[in-house]
Amino acid sequence: MEEYEHPDTLEETAPKILTDGIDTGLGFLSQYGWYLALGVLTLIAFRTKIENALYDIYEARQKRQYEEKCKKDPDFARQRQQAIEAARKKMQDELDRKAKEAAEKQKEREEKKRQEFLDSTKDQGGNKLGSSDDKGSSSSSKKLANKPEYFPLMGGYSSGYRAPRRSCCPSSGGCG
C-alpha cells in the first residue's frame, strides 16, 4: 500500500456556483447601481403618497363590500345601526354619569372651602377698619408665591416706581 503524501501548502477554494453568483451580483450593481439607488430614494420620498393611495383603495373596497352586504341582507344593516345607537347611548350615559360625579365633587370642594373660610374668619374675629395687620401682607405674599407666573426678582404685583405726571402747572414754577 502506498503511503499518502501531504502537500506542502493547503488551498481551500470556494464553490464555483458561489463565486459566479457573487460576480454576477457585483456586475449587476456596478452596471445598474445608480438606477437602483435612485429608485429606492424615489420610493422613500413618495412612501406616504403610496401608502395613502393604497389605504384609499382598501377603504373603497371595504365600503363597496359593506354596501353589497347591506343590499343582500337589510336586517344586517338594521342590526348594525341599532348596535351603533346602543353604543352611542351607552357612551353618553357614561359621560353623563361622570359629569354628575364631577359636579358633586366640585360642589363638595366649594362647600368645604366655604366652611374653612367661615371657620377661619370666626376664629380671627374679623379685621377692624383702618387697622394695619401683618397677617394680610404675609398671606398675600404666600398667594403670590403659589402662582406660577410669580417671580420675586421682577417685583411681583407691587406698584413699584411710577413716573411723575406730565402736566404743566404754572403754580409750581414750570412744567415738570
Protein backbone atom coordinates (compact mmCIF):
# COMPACT_ATOMS: atom_id res chain seq x y z
CA MET A 1 0.00 0.00 0.00
CA GLU A 2 1.19 3.35 -0.98
CA GLU A 3 1.61 5.99 1.61
CA TYR A 4 -0.26 9.29 1.13
CA GLU A 5 1.93 12.33 0.81
CA HIS A 6 0.73 15.56 2.35
CA PRO A 7 1.11 18.63 0.09
CA ASP A 8 3.28 21.47 1.33
CA THR A 9 0.53 24.10 1.07
CA LEU A 10 -3.18 23.68 1.52
CA GLU A 11 -5.60 25.64 -0.60
CA GLU A 12 -9.28 25.91 0.08
CA THR A 13 -11.35 27.23 -2.77
CA ALA A 14 -14.94 28.41 -2.67
CA PRO A 15 -17.51 26.52 -4.70
CA LYS A 16 -17.76 27.73 -8.28
CA ILE A 17 -21.53 28.48 -8.05
CA LEU A 18 -20.94 30.80 -5.10
CA THR A 19 -18.17 32.77 -6.78
CA ASP A 20 -20.16 33.01 -10.02
CA GLY A 21 -23.21 34.32 -8.10
CA ILE A 22 -21.16 36.96 -6.30
CA ASP A 23 -19.50 38.05 -9.55
CA THR A 24 -22.91 38.32 -11.27
CA GLY A 25 -24.37 40.34 -8.37
CA LEU A 26 -21.43 42.74 -8.26
CA GLY A 27 -21.54 43.14 -12.03
CA PHE A 28 -25.25 43.97 -11.89
CA LEU A 29 -24.66 46.52 -9.10
CA SER A 30 -21.77 48.15 -10.93
CA GLN A 31 -23.84 48.45 -14.10
CA TYR A 32 -27.26 49.40 -12.61
CA GLY A 33 -26.38 50.59 -9.09
CA TRP A 34 -27.21 54.25 -9.67
CA TYR A 35 -30.60 53.33 -11.07
CA LEU A 36 -31.31 51.15 -8.04
CA ALA A 37 -30.25 53.90 -5.63
CA LEU A 38 -32.40 56.44 -7.46
CA GLY A 39 -35.38 54.05 -7.38
CA VAL A 40 -35.02 53.42 -3.66
CA LEU A 41 -34.76 57.15 -2.92
CA THR A 42 -37.86 57.80 -5.05
CA LEU A 43 -39.80 55.13 -3.16
CA ILE A 44 -38.73 56.64 0.15
CA ALA A 45 -39.72 60.13 -0.98
CA PHE A 46 -43.17 59.07 -2.17
CA ARG A 47 -43.80 56.49 0.54
CA THR A 48 -46.60 58.43 2.25
CA LYS A 49 -48.35 59.12 -1.04
CA ILE A 50 -48.17 55.46 -1.99
CA GLU A 51 -49.41 54.37 1.44
CA ASN A 52 -52.32 56.84 1.30
CA ALA A 53 -53.29 55.66 -2.17
CA LEU A 54 -53.22 52.02 -1.06
CA TYR A 55 -55.24 52.89 2.05
CA ASP A 56 -57.86 54.69 -0.05
CA ILE A 57 -58.14 51.68 -2.34
CA TYR A 58 -58.55 49.38 0.65
CA GLU A 59 -61.21 51.64 2.23
CA ALA A 60 -63.15 51.87 -1.04
CA ARG A 61 -63.14 48.08 -1.34
CA GLN A 62 -64.34 47.66 2.26
CA LYS A 63 -67.12 50.20 1.71
CA ARG A 64 -68.22 48.50 -1.51
CA GLN A 65 -68.31 45.10 0.23
CA TYR A 66 -70.34 46.55 3.13
CA GLU A 67 -72.85 48.16 0.75
CA GLU A 68 -73.25 44.88 -1.15
CA LYS A 69 -73.82 43.02 2.10
CA CYS A 70 -76.43 45.59 3.19
CA LYS A 71 -78.25 45.25 -0.15
CA LYS A 72 -78.35 41.47 0.19
CA ASP A 73 -79.39 41.46 3.85
CA PRO A 74 -81.35 44.55 5.07
CA ASP A 75 -81.61 43.03 8.56
CA PHE A 76 -77.83 43.18 8.85
CA ALA A 77 -77.87 46.93 8.20
CA ARG A 78 -80.70 47.49 10.69
CA GLN A 79 -78.93 45.40 13.37
CA ARG A 80 -75.69 47.25 12.81
CA GLN A 81 -77.45 50.62 13.06
CA GLN A 82 -79.14 49.54 16.29
CA ALA A 83 -75.80 48.37 17.69
CA ILE A 84 -74.23 51.73 16.82
CA GLU A 85 -77.08 53.61 18.51
CA ALA A 86 -76.83 51.39 21.59
CA ALA A 87 -73.07 52.01 21.82
CA ARG A 88 -73.61 55.77 21.49
CA LYS A 89 -76.30 55.72 24.17
CA LYS A 90 -74.02 53.73 26.49
CA MET A 91 -71.15 56.19 25.98
CA GLN A 92 -73.48 59.17 26.52
CA ASP A 93 -74.85 57.64 29.75
CA GLU A 94 -71.30 57.06 30.97
CA LEU A 95 -70.35 60.64 30.12
CA ASP A 96 -73.45 61.98 31.92
CA ARG A 97 -72.67 59.88 34.99
CA LYS A 98 -69.06 61.12 35.11
CA ALA A 99 -70.18 64.72 34.65
CA LYS A 100 -72.67 64.36 37.50
CA GLU A 101 -69.99 62.88 39.78
CA ALA A 102 -67.56 65.66 38.86
CA ALA A 103 -70.21 68.30 39.61
CA GLU A 104 -70.92 66.71 43.00
CA LYS A 105 -67.21 66.62 43.85
CA GLN A 106 -66.83 70.26 42.79
CA LYS A 107 -69.80 71.22 44.95
CA GLU A 108 -68.28 69.35 47.93
CA ARG A 109 -64.94 71.11 47.42
CA GLU A 110 -66.61 74.52 47.25
CA GLU A 111 -68.67 73.78 50.36
CA LYS A 112 -65.56 72.62 52.21
CA LYS A 113 -63.64 75.72 51.11
CA ARG A 114 -66.51 77.98 52.16
CA GLN A 115 -66.74 76.23 55.54
CA GLU A 116 -62.98 76.60 56.11
CA PHE A 117 -63.22 80.29 55.23
CA LEU A 118 -66.10 80.78 57.66
CA ASP A 119 -64.23 78.92 60.41
CA SER A 120 -61.05 80.96 59.86
CA THR A 121 -62.90 84.28 59.89
CA LYS A 122 -64.84 83.23 63.00
CA ASP A 123 -61.55 82.45 64.81
CA GLN A 124 -59.94 85.75 63.81
CA GLY A 125 -62.87 87.83 64.84
CA GLY A 126 -62.63 89.92 61.70
CA ASN A 127 -60.48 92.93 60.91
CA LYS A 128 -61.30 96.41 62.09
CA LEU A 129 -61.47 99.20 59.61
CA GLY A 130 -58.22 101.16 59.39
CA SER A 131 -56.11 98.66 61.35
CA SER A 132 -52.90 97.52 59.71
CA ASP A 133 -52.34 93.82 60.07
CA ASP A 134 -49.17 91.87 59.24
CA LYS A 135 -51.26 88.74 58.66
CA GLY A 136 -52.71 90.21 55.50
CA SER A 137 -49.35 91.02 53.95
CA SER A 138 -47.90 87.60 54.71
CA SER A 139 -50.94 85.85 53.28
CA SER A 140 -50.76 87.95 50.12
CA SER A 141 -47.08 87.08 49.68
CA LYS A 142 -47.96 83.39 50.15
CA LYS A 143 -50.65 83.74 47.50
CA LEU A 144 -48.15 85.37 45.13
CA ALA A 145 -45.54 82.69 45.76
CA ASN A 146 -48.01 79.95 44.84
CA LYS A 147 -48.75 81.42 41.42
CA PRO A 148 -46.60 80.01 38.61
CA GLU A 149 -46.10 83.40 36.94
CA TYR A 150 -44.75 84.96 40.16
CA PHE A 151 -41.10 85.88 40.01
CA PRO A 152 -39.90 87.75 43.14
CA LEU A 153 -36.99 89.50 41.44
CA MET A 154 -39.32 91.16 38.96
CA GLY A 155 -41.23 92.99 41.67
CA GLY A 156 -44.33 90.84 41.66
CA TYR A 157 -47.65 92.63 41.78
CA SER A 158 -46.49 95.72 43.71
CA SER A 159 -46.76 99.12 42.12
CA GLY A 160 -43.05 99.95 42.27
CA TYR A 161 -41.75 103.13 40.63
CA ARG A 162 -44.21 105.48 38.96
CA ALA A 163 -43.09 108.24 36.68
CA PRO A 164 -44.21 111.79 37.59
CA ARG A 165 -47.21 113.20 35.83
CA ARG A 166 -46.53 115.19 32.70
CA SER A 167 -48.84 118.07 33.39
CA CYS A 168 -47.96 121.71 33.12
CA CYS A 169 -48.62 123.64 36.35
CA PRO A 170 -47.84 127.37 36.42
CA SER A 171 -48.15 127.40 40.22
CA SER A 172 -45.19 125.05 40.71
CA GLY A 173 -42.89 127.22 38.67
CA GLY A 174 -42.81 125.35 35.34
CA CYS A 175 -43.59 122.15 33.54
CA GLY A 176 -42.24 119.02 35.01
